[in-house]
Amino acid sequence: MEVDESFARTVARIVAAREQIEGVGVTVRRTLGTVGMPNLDPFLLLDDFAVDPPAGFADHPHRGFETVSYLLSGSSEHEDFAGHRGRLGPGDLQWMTAGRGIVHAEVPTGKTTATGLQLWVNLPASEKMCEPRYQELRGANLPRVSPSPGIDVIVLAGDAFGAAAKVRTATPMCYFDVTVQPGSRVAVPLPPAYNALVYVLSGAVVVSGSREAKAHECIVLDSVPNGATASHVDAAVAIDATCPARLVVLGGEPINEPIVRHGPFVMNTYDEIREAMDDYHNGRNGFERAPRFRSKIGKRVAAAAAASAASTRSRSGSAANAASK
């Protein structure tokens, strides 16, 4: 794709991440999946997370979409009700297709903070009840390319600059981890039919010649006019910047189907959501193993939650006793 022949995407809006607590003591900065930006078809959620042991996500279900975990630092374990268990280290990628149903836990290991991104990708109606599957890649095996001096690109999904990702996606999409050094500029190719965004992990970057975006800001890109056969997004870092910028570029072909979500279930109708809840609670239609499943790693999170609750009760009791004196 020649950049000179492609349409330069412009900035539609910039959204600052909203910090909140999820799971047990997990801090996330969320951009997609909020009231202000519920989704960007086919993407449902984007969390920039930091997890300090023994916090984490105890056993919980999913149906109807994919979760993509990209670990940036630290290490994390995962375990599901089908007996699948593994560990992610810095730079590793896990692409989990929940399909008709999965119950799993995600917990950091060791004593260091685990940081990374979790992306939820919707599945088309025809794939929502597929069998669950995993794709896991070590960071060292992810395609990496330097299209010009000062630019480093890791290709997690899709293809760019002659490098193609190794994962198979149910929905056509691209996912790039891009580092731009001070004084450098890159034009990242995006298929014109894709909805697209840029999320800044660190540093500051000028996107599409517009305003500068800083860490934990999400830049939603405008769509492409009819007739355009190629598009790209420009990212540049000032020559006097004190550090490089690291950002992810996400693009996906819209599914254009109704989205109905309730917690960890994402379907097309309210009836399907009710069915998913009934199946999970009654252990059927993909959730047969759910009623008896108790993950080993999830017990660490449960113990941490119990200890935190006991500490809170103790502090409350001490305060009440002090007030009565």
C-alpha atoms as a PDB file:
ATOM      1  CA  MET A   1       0.000   0.000   0.000  1.00  0.00           C
ATOM      2  CA  GLU A   2       1.472   3.360  -1.017  1.00  0.00           C
ATOM      3  CA  VAL A   3       0.736   6.013   1.605  1.00  0.00           C
ATOM      4  CA  ASP A   4       0.593   8.737  -1.069  1.00  0.00           C
ATOM      5  CA  GLU A   5      -2.381   6.946  -2.640  1.00  0.00           C
ATOM      6  CA  SER A   6      -4.256   6.277   0.588  1.00  0.00           C
ATOM      7  CA  PHE A   7      -6.701   8.368   2.580  1.00  0.00           C
ATOM      8  CA  ALA A   8      -5.252   9.934   5.740  1.00  0.00           C
ATOM      9  CA  ARG A   9      -7.602   9.192   8.635  1.00  0.00           C
ATOM     10  CA  THR A  10      -8.582  12.217  10.725  1.00  0.00           C
ATOM     11  CA  VAL A  11      -9.428  12.438  14.423  1.00  0.00           C
ATOM     12  CA  ALA A  12     -13.122  12.092  15.271  1.00  0.00           C
ATOM     13  CA  ARG A  13     -12.744  12.401  19.048  1.00  0.00           C
ATOM     14  CA  ILE A  14     -10.310  11.878  21.898  1.00  0.00           C
ATOM     15  CA  VAL A  15     -11.477  10.048  25.011  1.00  0.00           C
ATOM     16  CA  ALA A  16      -9.545   9.953  28.284  1.00  0.00           C
ATOM     17  CA  ALA A  17      -9.466   6.576  30.007  1.00  0.00           C
ATOM     18  CA  ARG A  18     -11.631   6.227  33.095  1.00  0.00           C
ATOM     19  CA  GLU A  19      -9.986   4.555  36.072  1.00  0.00           C
ATOM     20  CA  GLN A  20     -12.049   2.000  37.979  1.00  0.00           C
ATOM     21  CA  ILE A  21     -11.763  -1.179  40.035  1.00  0.00           C
ATOM     22  CA  GLU A  22     -12.658  -4.553  38.524  1.00  0.00           C
ATOM     23  CA  GLY A  23     -12.401  -8.111  39.822  1.00  0.00           C
ATOM     24  CA  VAL A  24     -10.698  -8.174  43.220  1.00  0.00           C
ATOM     25  CA  GLY A  25      -8.496  -5.113  43.612  1.00  0.00           C
ATOM     26  CA  VAL A  26      -7.661  -4.731  39.910  1.00  0.00           C
ATOM     27  CA  THR A  27      -7.202  -1.168  38.648  1.00  0.00           C
ATOM     28  CA  VAL A  28      -8.156  -0.642  35.009  1.00  0.00           C
ATOM     29  CA  ARG A  29      -8.150   2.416  32.790  1.00  0.00           C
ATOM     30  CA  ARG A  30     -11.122   1.904  30.493  1.00  0.00           C
ATOM     31  CA  THR A  31     -11.859   3.712  27.246  1.00  0.00           C
ATOM     32  CA  LEU A  32     -14.128   1.357  25.292  1.00  0.00           C
ATOM     33  CA  GLY A  33     -16.994  -0.167  27.221  1.00  0.00           C
ATOM     34  CA  THR A  34     -18.116   2.966  29.047  1.00  0.00           C
ATOM     35  CA  VAL A  35     -21.339   4.966  28.976  1.00  0.00           C
ATOM     36  CA  GLY A  36     -19.619   7.587  26.832  1.00  0.00           C
ATOM     37  CA  MET A  37     -18.228   5.053  24.354  1.00  0.00           C
ATOM     38  CA  PRO A  38     -19.980   1.681  24.763  1.00  0.00           C
ATOM     39  CA  ASN A  39     -18.308   0.100  21.730  1.00  0.00           C
ATOM     40  CA  LEU A  40     -16.631   0.670  18.395  1.00  0.00           C
ATOM     41  CA  ASP A  41     -17.912  -2.214  16.273  1.00  0.00           C
ATOM     42  CA  PRO A  42     -16.470  -4.886  16.420  1.00  0.00           C
ATOM     43  CA  PHE A  43     -14.648  -3.833  19.619  1.00  0.00           C
ATOM     44  CA  LEU A  44     -16.552  -4.009  22.897  1.00  0.00           C
ATOM     45  CA  LEU A  45     -14.055  -3.111  25.611  1.00  0.00           C
ATOM     46  CA  LEU A  46     -10.484  -1.892  26.025  1.00  0.00           C
ATOM     47  CA  ASP A  47      -8.861  -1.993  29.473  1.00  0.00           C
ATOM     48  CA  ASP A  48      -5.347  -0.858  30.345  1.00  0.00           C
ATOM     49  CA  PHE A  49      -4.834  -2.872  33.541  1.00  0.00           C
ATOM     50  CA  ALA A  50      -2.462  -3.068  36.497  1.00  0.00           C
ATOM     51  CA  VAL A  51      -2.781  -6.008  38.891  1.00  0.00           C
ATOM     52  CA  ASP A  52      -0.841  -6.331  42.134  1.00  0.00           C
ATOM     53  CA  PRO A  53      -0.741  -9.842  43.635  1.00  0.00           C
ATOM     54  CA  PRO A  54      -2.798 -11.310  45.214  1.00  0.00           C
ATOM     55  CA  ALA A  55      -5.496  -9.309  43.388  1.00  0.00           C
ATOM     56  CA  GLY A  56      -6.977 -10.687  40.190  1.00  0.00           C
ATOM     57  CA  PHE A  57     -10.037 -12.147  38.517  1.00  0.00           C
ATOM     58  CA  ALA A  58     -11.561 -15.180  40.244  1.00  0.00           C
ATOM     59  CA  ASP A  59     -13.706 -17.716  38.348  1.00  0.00           C
ATOM     60  CA  HIS A  60     -16.069 -15.971  35.914  1.00  0.00           C
ATOM     61  CA  PRO A  61     -17.934 -16.894  32.703  1.00  0.00           C
ATOM     62  CA  HIS A  62     -17.979 -15.553  29.137  1.00  0.00           C
ATOM     63  CA  ARG A  63     -20.144 -16.188  26.086  1.00  0.00           C
ATOM     64  CA  GLY A  64     -20.472 -14.648  22.642  1.00  0.00           C
ATOM     65  CA  PHE A  65     -17.149 -12.840  22.080  1.00  0.00           C
ATOM     66  CA  GLU A  66     -13.350 -13.029  22.264  1.00  0.00           C
ATOM     67  CA  THR A  67     -11.000 -11.763  24.966  1.00  0.00           C
ATOM     68  CA  VAL A  68      -7.507 -10.695  23.901  1.00  0.00           C
ATOM     69  CA  SER A  69      -4.935 -10.383  26.690  1.00  0.00           C
ATOM     70  CA  TYR A  70      -1.617  -8.686  25.865  1.00  0.00           C
ATOM     71  CA  LEU A  71       0.799  -8.634  28.790  1.00  0.00           C
ATOM     72  CA  LEU A  72       3.259  -5.737  28.924  1.00  0.00           C
ATOM     73  CA  SER A  73       5.047  -6.472  32.213  1.00  0.00           C
ATOM     74  CA  GLY A  74       4.964  -8.989  35.035  1.00  0.00           C
ATOM     75  CA  SER A  75       3.417 -12.425  34.677  1.00  0.00           C
ATOM     76  CA  SER A  76      -0.051 -13.890  34.902  1.00  0.00           C
ATOM     77  CA  GLU A  77      -1.671 -17.336  35.122  1.00  0.00           C
ATOM     78  CA  HIS A  78      -4.980 -18.455  33.661  1.00  0.00           C
ATOM     79  CA  GLU A  79      -7.064 -21.574  34.241  1.00  0.00           C
ATOM     80  CA  ASP A  80     -10.418 -22.686  32.824  1.00  0.00           C
ATOM     81  CA  PHE A  81     -13.033 -25.347  33.427  1.00  0.00           C
ATOM     82  CA  ALA A  82     -11.829 -27.435  30.478  1.00  0.00           C
ATOM     83  CA  GLY A  83      -8.478 -28.065  32.159  1.00  0.00           C
ATOM     84  CA  HIS A  84      -6.557 -25.477  30.153  1.00  0.00           C
ATOM     85  CA  ARG A  85      -3.936 -23.713  32.255  1.00  0.00           C
ATOM     86  CA  GLY A  86      -0.953 -21.581  31.322  1.00  0.00           C
ATOM     87  CA  ARG A  87       1.173 -18.556  32.065  1.00  0.00           C
ATOM     88  CA  LEU A  88       1.782 -15.309  30.218  1.00  0.00           C
ATOM     89  CA  GLY A  89       4.984 -13.286  30.485  1.00  0.00           C
ATOM     90  CA  PRO A  90       5.952  -9.827  29.201  1.00  0.00           C
ATOM     91  CA  GLY A  91       5.024  -9.438  25.536  1.00  0.00           C
ATOM     92  CA  ASP A  92       2.921 -12.612  25.412  1.00  0.00           C
ATOM     93  CA  LEU A  93      -0.486 -12.698  23.715  1.00  0.00           C
ATOM     94  CA  GLN A  94      -3.535 -14.826  24.522  1.00  0.00           C
ATOM     95  CA  TRP A  95      -6.505 -14.835  22.138  1.00  0.00           C
ATOM     96  CA  MET A  96      -9.423 -16.627  23.787  1.00  0.00           C
ATOM     97  CA  THR A  97     -12.605 -17.278  21.814  1.00  0.00           C
ATOM     98  CA  ALA A  98     -15.288 -17.839  24.445  1.00  0.00           C
ATOM     99  CA  GLY A  99     -17.902 -18.915  21.917  1.00  0.00           C
ATOM    100  CA  ARG A 100     -20.748 -20.863  23.526  1.00  0.00           C
ATOM    101  CA  GLY A 101     -19.171 -20.683  26.948  1.00  0.00           C
ATOM    102  CA  ILE A 102     -16.052 -20.674  29.080  1.00  0.00           C
ATOM    103  CA  VAL A 103     -15.414 -20.189  32.813  1.00  0.00           C
ATOM    104  CA  HIS A 104     -11.913 -19.163  33.804  1.00  0.00           C
ATOM    105  CA  ALA A 105      -9.726 -17.255  36.268  1.00  0.00           C
ATOM    106  CA  GLU A 106      -6.843 -14.826  35.640  1.00  0.00           C
ATOM    107  CA  VAL A 107      -4.349 -14.134  38.425  1.00  0.00           C
ATOM    108  CA  PRO A 108      -0.892 -12.481  38.485  1.00  0.00           C
ATOM    109  CA  THR A 109       2.087 -14.538  39.657  1.00  0.00           C
ATOM    110  CA  GLY A 110       5.106 -13.594  41.689  1.00  0.00           C
ATOM    111  CA  LYS A 111       5.365 -10.355  43.610  1.00  0.00           C
ATOM    112  CA  THR A 112       5.478  -7.792  40.800  1.00  0.00           C
ATOM    113  CA  THR A 113       2.630  -5.841  39.208  1.00  0.00           C
ATOM    114  CA  ALA A 114       1.231  -7.342  36.026  1.00  0.00           C
ATOM    115  CA  THR A 115       0.308  -4.708  33.432  1.00  0.00           C
ATOM    116  CA  GLY A 116      -1.207  -5.022  30.004  1.00  0.00           C
ATOM    117  CA  LEU A 117      -4.228  -4.590  27.795  1.00  0.00           C
ATOM    118  CA  GLN A 118      -7.417  -6.586  27.577  1.00  0.00           C
ATOM    119  CA  LEU A 119      -9.532  -6.184  24.478  1.00  0.00           C
ATOM    120  CA  TRP A 120     -12.981  -7.672  23.912  1.00  0.00           C
ATOM    121  CA  VAL A 121     -13.856  -8.408  20.290  1.00  0.00           C
ATOM    122  CA  ASN A 122     -17.429  -9.214  19.320  1.00  0.00           C
ATOM    123  CA  LEU A 123     -18.302 -12.360  17.385  1.00  0.00           C
ATOM    124  CA  PRO A 124     -20.845 -12.430  14.537  1.00  0.00           C
ATOM    125  CA  ALA A 125     -24.092 -14.264  15.267  1.00  0.00           C
ATOM    126  CA  SER A 126     -22.898 -17.227  13.213  1.00  0.00           C
ATOM    127  CA  GLU A 127     -19.874 -17.671  15.529  1.00  0.00           C
ATOM    128  CA  LYS A 128     -21.309 -16.837  18.947  1.00  0.00           C
ATOM    129  CA  MET A 129     -22.050 -20.465  19.797  1.00  0.00           C
ATOM    130  CA  CYS A 130     -18.848 -21.961  18.404  1.00  0.00           C
ATOM    131  CA  GLU A 131     -16.665 -24.210  20.544  1.00  0.00           C
ATOM    132  CA  PRO A 132     -14.215 -22.293  22.786  1.00  0.00           C
ATOM    133  CA  ARG A 133     -10.618 -22.118  21.601  1.00  0.00           C
ATOM    134  CA  TYR A 134      -7.292 -20.511  22.500  1.00  0.00           C
ATOM    135  CA  GLN A 135      -4.442 -19.045  20.532  1.00  0.00           C
ATOM    136  CA  GLU A 136      -1.361 -18.247  22.597  1.00  0.00           C
ATOM    137  CA  LEU A 137       1.840 -16.711  21.315  1.00  0.00           C
ATOM    138  CA  ARG A 138       5.044 -15.850  23.114  1.00  0.00           C
ATOM    139  CA  GLY A 139       6.244 -12.305  22.614  1.00  0.00           C
ATOM    140  CA  ALA A 140       9.430 -13.532  20.971  1.00  0.00           C
ATOM    141  CA  ASN A 141       7.333 -15.189  18.266  1.00  0.00           C
ATOM    142  CA  LEU A 142       5.197 -12.169  17.386  1.00  0.00           C
ATOM    143  CA  PRO A 143       6.128 -10.596  14.025  1.00  0.00           C
ATOM    144  CA  ARG A 144       8.170  -7.432  14.509  1.00  0.00           C
ATOM    145  CA  VAL A 145       9.240  -4.934  11.877  1.00  0.00           C
ATOM    146  CA  SER A 146      11.020  -1.587  11.661  1.00  0.00           C
ATOM    147  CA  PRO A 147       9.651   0.128   8.533  1.00  0.00           C
ATOM    148  CA  SER A 148      11.886   3.194   9.004  1.00  0.00           C
ATOM    149  CA  PRO A 149      14.458   4.524  11.487  1.00  0.00           C
ATOM    150  CA  GLY A 150      12.932   5.263  14.883  1.00  0.00           C
ATOM    151  CA  ILE A 151       9.847   3.083  14.303  1.00  0.00           C
ATOM    152  CA  ASP A 152       9.164  -0.351  15.793  1.00  0.00           C
ATOM    153  CA  VAL A 153       5.940  -2.268  15.065  1.00  0.00           C
ATOM    154  CA  ILE A 154       4.744  -5.526  16.651  1.00  0.00           C
ATOM    155  CA  VAL A 155       1.974  -7.149  14.612  1.00  0.00           C
ATOM    156  CA  LEU A 156      -0.529  -8.857  16.907  1.00  0.00           C
ATOM    157  CA  ALA A 157      -3.334  -9.184  14.334  1.00  0.00           C
ATOM    158  CA  GLY A 158      -3.653  -8.337  10.641  1.00  0.00           C
ATOM    159  CA  ASP A 159      -0.668  -7.318   8.540  1.00  0.00           C
ATOM    160  CA  ALA A 160       1.480  -4.233   8.023  1.00  0.00           C
ATOM    161  CA  PHE A 161       4.795  -3.331   6.418  1.00  0.00           C
ATOM    162  CA  GLY A 162       5.197  -6.819   4.981  1.00  0.00           C
ATOM    163  CA  ALA A 163       4.648  -8.626   8.304  1.00  0.00           C
ATOM    164  CA  ALA A 164       1.580 -10.802   8.928  1.00  0.00           C
ATOM    165  CA  ALA A 165       0.218 -11.881  12.307  1.00  0.00           C
ATOM    166  CA  LYS A 166       0.053 -15.533  13.288  1.00  0.00           C
ATOM    167  CA  VAL A 167      -3.373 -15.437  14.974  1.00  0.00           C
ATOM    168  CA  ARG A 168      -6.618 -16.254  13.212  1.00  0.00           C
ATOM    169  CA  THR A 169      -9.439 -13.807  13.880  1.00  0.00           C
ATOM    170  CA  ALA A 170     -13.147 -14.499  13.449  1.00  0.00           C
ATOM    171  CA  THR A 171     -13.671 -10.875  12.396  1.00  0.00           C
ATOM    172  CA  PRO A 172     -11.223  -9.176   9.996  1.00  0.00           C
ATOM    173  CA  MET A 173      -9.118  -6.815  12.101  1.00  0.00           C
ATOM    174  CA  CYS A 174      -5.669  -5.452  12.844  1.00  0.00           C
ATOM    175  CA  TYR A 175      -3.853  -4.833  16.112  1.00  0.00           C
ATOM    176  CA  PHE A 176      -0.434  -3.170  16.142  1.00  0.00           C
ATOM    177  CA  ASP A 177       1.899  -2.190  18.996  1.00  0.00           C
ATOM    178  CA  VAL A 178       3.852   0.811  17.708  1.00  0.00           C
ATOM    179  CA  THR A 179       6.817   2.631  19.267  1.00  0.00           C
ATOM    180  CA  VAL A 180       7.790   6.005  17.790  1.00  0.00           C
ATOM    181  CA  GLN A 181      11.090   7.610  18.777  1.00  0.00           C
ATOM    182  CA  PRO A 182      11.479  11.417  19.172  1.00  0.00           C
ATOM    183  CA  GLY A 183      11.644  13.115  15.792  1.00  0.00           C
ATOM    184  CA  SER A 184      10.107  10.133  13.972  1.00  0.00           C
ATOM    185  CA  ARG A 185       6.849   9.673  12.074  1.00  0.00           C
ATOM    186  CA  VAL A 186       4.986   6.642  10.779  1.00  0.00           C
ATOM    187  CA  ALA A 187       1.962   6.087   8.559  1.00  0.00           C
ATOM    188  CA  VAL A 188       0.230   2.914   9.766  1.00  0.00           C
ATOM    189  CA  PRO A 189      -1.938   1.274   7.071  1.00  0.00           C
ATOM    190  CA  LEU A 190      -5.599   0.574   7.851  1.00  0.00           C
ATOM    191  CA  PRO A 191      -8.119  -1.109   5.534  1.00  0.00           C
ATOM    192  CA  PRO A 192     -10.624   1.618   4.580  1.00  0.00           C
ATOM    193  CA  ALA A 193     -13.676  -0.406   5.687  1.00  0.00           C
ATOM    194  CA  TYR A 194     -12.381  -0.724   9.251  1.00  0.00           C
ATOM    195  CA  ASN A 195     -13.476   1.254  12.288  1.00  0.00           C
ATOM    196  CA  ALA A 196     -10.264   2.313  13.979  1.00  0.00           C
ATOM    197  CA  LEU A 197      -8.709   3.874  17.067  1.00  0.00           C
ATOM    198  CA  VAL A 198      -5.345   4.656  18.603  1.00  0.00           C
ATOM    199  CA  TYR A 199      -4.627   4.171  22.314  1.00  0.00           C
ATOM    200  CA  VAL A 200      -1.536   5.809  23.840  1.00  0.00           C
ATOM    201  CA  LEU A 201       0.276   3.624  26.355  1.00  0.00           C
ATOM    202  CA  SER A 202       3.088   6.047  27.188  1.00  0.00           C
ATOM    203  CA  GLY A 203       4.633   9.286  25.991  1.00  0.00           C
ATOM    204  CA  ALA A 204       2.895  11.804  23.767  1.00  0.00           C
ATOM    205  CA  VAL A 205       2.080  11.564  20.060  1.00  0.00           C
ATOM    206  CA  VAL A 206       0.519  13.771  17.410  1.00  0.00           C
ATOM    207  CA  VAL A 207      -2.076  11.729  15.519  1.00  0.00           C
ATOM    208  CA  SER A 208      -3.102  12.711  11.998  1.00  0.00           C
ATOM    209  CA  GLY A 209      -1.483  16.115  12.371  1.00  0.00           C
ATOM    210  CA  SER A 210      -4.127  16.988  14.959  1.00  0.00           C
ATOM    211  CA  ARG A 211      -3.669  17.736  18.659  1.00  0.00           C
ATOM    212  CA  GLU A 212      -1.159  15.905  20.788  1.00  0.00           C
ATOM    213  CA  ALA A 213      -2.503  12.874  22.645  1.00  0.00           C
ATOM    214  CA  LYS A 214      -0.946  11.673  25.878  1.00  0.00           C
ATOM    215  CA  ALA A 215      -0.773   8.431  27.833  1.00  0.00           C
ATOM    216  CA  HIS A 216      -4.129   6.784  28.577  1.00  0.00           C
ATOM    217  CA  GLU A 217      -5.992   8.708  25.885  1.00  0.00           C
ATOM    218  CA  CYS A 218      -7.939   6.990  23.111  1.00  0.00           C
ATOM    219  CA  ILE A 219      -8.134   8.612  19.678  1.00  0.00           C
ATOM    220  CA  VAL A 220     -11.152   7.493  17.638  1.00  0.00           C
ATOM    221  CA  LEU A 221     -10.556   7.922  13.915  1.00  0.00           C
ATOM    222  CA  ASP A 222     -13.039   9.130  11.329  1.00  0.00           C
ATOM    223  CA  SER A 223     -14.417   6.748   8.747  1.00  0.00           C
ATOM    224  CA  VAL A 224     -13.182   6.765   5.162  1.00  0.00           C
ATOM    225  CA  PRO A 225     -15.177   8.300   2.247  1.00  0.00           C
ATOM    226  CA  ASN A 226     -16.816   5.931  -0.205  1.00  0.00           C
ATOM    227  CA  GLY A 227     -14.526   5.049  -3.054  1.00  0.00           C
ATOM    228  CA  ALA A 228     -11.272   5.153  -1.072  1.00  0.00           C
ATOM    229  CA  THR A 229      -9.253   2.012  -1.688  1.00  0.00           C
ATOM    230  CA  ALA A 230      -6.675   2.469   1.076  1.00  0.00           C
ATOM    231  CA  SER A 231      -6.208   4.454   4.280  1.00  0.00           C
ATOM    232  CA  HIS A 232      -3.670   5.093   7.016  1.00  0.00           C
ATOM    233  CA  VAL A 233      -3.158   6.937  10.285  1.00  0.00           C
ATOM    234  CA  ASP A 234      -0.173   9.225  10.852  1.00  0.00           C
ATOM    235  CA  ALA A 235       1.640   9.201  14.193  1.00  0.00           C
ATOM    236  CA  ALA A 236       4.522  11.571  14.965  1.00  0.00           C
ATOM    237  CA  VAL A 237       6.602  12.417  18.032  1.00  0.00           C
ATOM    238  CA  ALA A 238       8.216  15.828  18.475  1.00  0.00           C
ATOM    239  CA  ILE A 239      11.959  15.960  17.967  1.00  0.00           C
ATOM    240  CA  ASP A 240      12.411  17.571  21.393  1.00  0.00           C
ATOM    241  CA  ALA A 241      10.353  14.924  23.212  1.00  0.00           C
ATOM    242  CA  THR A 242      12.106  13.440  26.231  1.00  0.00           C
ATOM    243  CA  CYS A 243      10.926   9.881  25.555  1.00  0.00           C
ATOM    244  CA  PRO A 244       9.423   7.771  22.780  1.00  0.00           C
ATOM    245  CA  ALA A 245       5.675   7.233  22.448  1.00  0.00           C
ATOM    246  CA  ARG A 246       4.172   3.773  22.624  1.00  0.00           C
ATOM    247  CA  LEU A 247       0.704   3.275  21.205  1.00  0.00           C
ATOM    248  CA  VAL A 248      -1.583   0.571  19.901  1.00  0.00           C
ATOM    249  CA  VAL A 249      -3.486   0.909  16.644  1.00  0.00           C
ATOM    250  CA  LEU A 250      -6.718  -1.091  16.412  1.00  0.00           C
ATOM    251  CA  GLY A 251      -8.926  -1.539  13.384  1.00  0.00           C
ATOM    252  CA  GLY A 252     -11.794  -3.892  12.653  1.00  0.00           C
ATOM    253  CA  GLU A 253     -14.460  -4.556  10.067  1.00  0.00           C
ATOM    254  CA  PRO A 254     -17.882  -3.707  11.537  1.00  0.00           C
ATOM    255  CA  ILE A 255     -20.156  -6.686  12.094  1.00  0.00           C
ATOM    256  CA  ASN A 256     -23.256  -4.461  11.876  1.00  0.00           C
ATOM    257  CA  GLU A 257     -25.425  -6.665  14.072  1.00  0.00           C
ATOM    258  CA  PRO A 258     -27.381  -5.796  17.234  1.00  0.00           C
ATOM    259  CA  ILE A 259     -25.253  -5.821  20.405  1.00  0.00           C
ATOM    260  CA  VAL A 260     -26.917  -6.809  23.680  1.00  0.00           C
ATOM    261  CA  ARG A 261     -24.575  -7.237  26.629  1.00  0.00           C
ATOM    262  CA  HIS A 262     -25.006  -8.157  30.250  1.00  0.00           C
ATOM    263  CA  GLY A 263     -21.784  -8.428  32.241  1.00  0.00           C
ATOM    264  CA  PRO A 264     -19.705 -11.241  30.704  1.00  0.00           C
ATOM    265  CA  PHE A 265     -22.306 -12.188  28.080  1.00  0.00           C
ATOM    266  CA  VAL A 266     -22.595 -10.471  24.679  1.00  0.00           C
ATOM    267  CA  MET A 267     -25.333 -11.648  22.332  1.00  0.00           C
ATOM    268  CA  ASN A 268     -27.713 -10.252  19.696  1.00  0.00           C
ATOM    269  CA  THR A 269     -31.019 -10.313  21.599  1.00  0.00           C
ATOM    270  CA  TYR A 270     -32.285 -10.048  25.184  1.00  0.00           C
ATOM    271  CA  ASP A 271     -33.718 -13.551  24.897  1.00  0.00           C
ATOM    272  CA  GLU A 272     -30.227 -14.858  24.102  1.00  0.00           C
ATOM    273  CA  ILE A 273     -28.837 -13.045  27.160  1.00  0.00           C
ATOM    274  CA  ARG A 274     -31.474 -14.646  29.380  1.00  0.00           C
ATOM    275  CA  GLU A 275     -30.649 -18.009  27.833  1.00  0.00           C
ATOM    276  CA  ALA A 276     -26.928 -17.484  28.509  1.00  0.00           C
ATOM    277  CA  MET A 277     -27.630 -16.669  32.170  1.00  0.00           C
ATOM    278  CA  ASP A 278     -29.898 -19.706  32.541  1.00  0.00           C
ATOM    279  CA  ASP A 279     -27.356 -21.983  30.847  1.00  0.00           C
ATOM    280  CA  TYR A 280     -24.570 -20.775  33.143  1.00  0.00           C
ATOM    281  CA  HIS A 281     -26.578 -21.117  36.353  1.00  0.00           C
ATOM    282  CA  ASN A 282     -28.042 -24.489  35.350  1.00  0.00           C
ATOM    283  CA  GLY A 283     -24.873 -25.979  33.849  1.00  0.00           C
ATOM    284  CA  ARG A 284     -26.009 -26.685  30.306  1.00  0.00           C
ATOM    285  CA  ASN A 285     -25.462 -25.835  26.623  1.00  0.00           C
ATOM    286  CA  GLY A 286     -21.715 -25.247  26.933  1.00  0.00           C
ATOM    287  CA  PHE A 287     -21.612 -24.619  30.685  1.00  0.00           C
ATOM    288  CA  GLU A 288     -21.978 -28.244  31.810  1.00  0.00           C
ATOM    289  CA  ARG A 289     -18.759 -28.087  33.848  1.00  0.00           C
ATOM    290  CA  ALA A 290     -19.509 -24.701  35.438  1.00  0.00           C
ATOM    291  CA  PRO A 291     -21.404 -25.819  38.586  1.00  0.00           C
ATOM    292  CA  ARG A 292     -18.525 -28.019  39.817  1.00  0.00           C
ATOM    293  CA  PHE A 293     -15.616 -25.871  38.702  1.00  0.00           C
ATOM    294  CA  ARG A 294     -13.390 -24.197  41.288  1.00  0.00           C
ATOM    295  CA  SER A 295     -10.058 -23.106  39.858  1.00  0.00           C
ATOM    296  CA  LYS A 296      -6.892 -23.561  41.883  1.00  0.00           C
ATOM    297  CA  ILE A 297      -5.548 -20.124  41.047  1.00  0.00           C
ATOM    298  CA  GLY A 298      -8.883 -18.455  41.796  1.00  0.00           C
ATOM    299  CA  LYS A 299      -8.576 -19.572  45.427  1.00  0.00           C
ATOM    300  CA  ARG A 300      -5.732 -17.076  45.878  1.00  0.00           C
ATOM    301  CA  VAL A 301      -8.015 -14.242  44.808  1.00  0.00           C
ATOM    302  CA  ALA A 302     -10.836 -15.503  47.032  1.00  0.00           C
ATOM    303  CA  ALA A 303      -8.464 -15.620  50.011  1.00  0.00           C
ATOM    304  CA  ALA A 304      -7.324 -12.063  49.308  1.00  0.00           C
ATOM    305  CA  ALA A 305     -10.930 -10.864  49.076  1.00  0.00           C
ATOM    306  CA  ALA A 306     -11.788 -12.573  52.380  1.00  0.00           C
ATOM    307  CA  ALA A 307      -8.755 -11.033  54.094  1.00  0.00           C
ATOM    308  CA  SER A 308      -9.670  -7.588  52.764  1.00  0.00           C
ATOM    309  CA  ALA A 309     -13.265  -7.958  53.974  1.00  0.00           C
ATOM    310  CA  ALA A 310     -12.085  -9.072  57.436  1.00  0.00           C
ATOM    311  CA  SER A 311      -9.713  -6.103  57.632  1.00  0.00           C
ATOM    312  CA  THR A 312     -12.521  -3.732  56.682  1.00  0.00           C
ATOM    313  CA  ARG A 313     -14.806  -5.203  59.355  1.00  0.00           C
ATOM    314  CA  SER A 314     -12.025  -4.916  61.937  1.00  0.00           C
ATOM    315  CA  ARG A 315     -11.394  -1.263  61.106  1.00  0.00           C
ATOM    316  CA  SER A 316     -15.130  -0.539  61.211  1.00  0.00           C
ATOM    317  CA  GLY A 317     -15.440  -2.235  64.607  1.00  0.00           C
ATOM    318  CA  SER A 318     -12.477  -0.335  66.027  1.00  0.00           C
ATOM    319  CA  ALA A 319     -13.906   2.945  64.802  1.00  0.00           C
ATOM    320  CA  ALA A 320     -17.308   2.144  66.329  1.00  0.00           C
ATOM    321  CA  ASN A 321     -15.732   1.240  69.657  1.00  0.00           C
ATOM    322  CA  ALA A 322     -13.687   4.434  69.680  1.00  0.00           C
ATOM    323  CA  ALA A 323     -16.789   6.506  68.914  1.00  0.00           C
ATOM    324  CA  SER A 324     -18.712   4.918  71.806  1.00  0.00           C
ATOM    325  CA  LYS A 325     -16.069   5.826  74.378  1.00  0.00           C
END
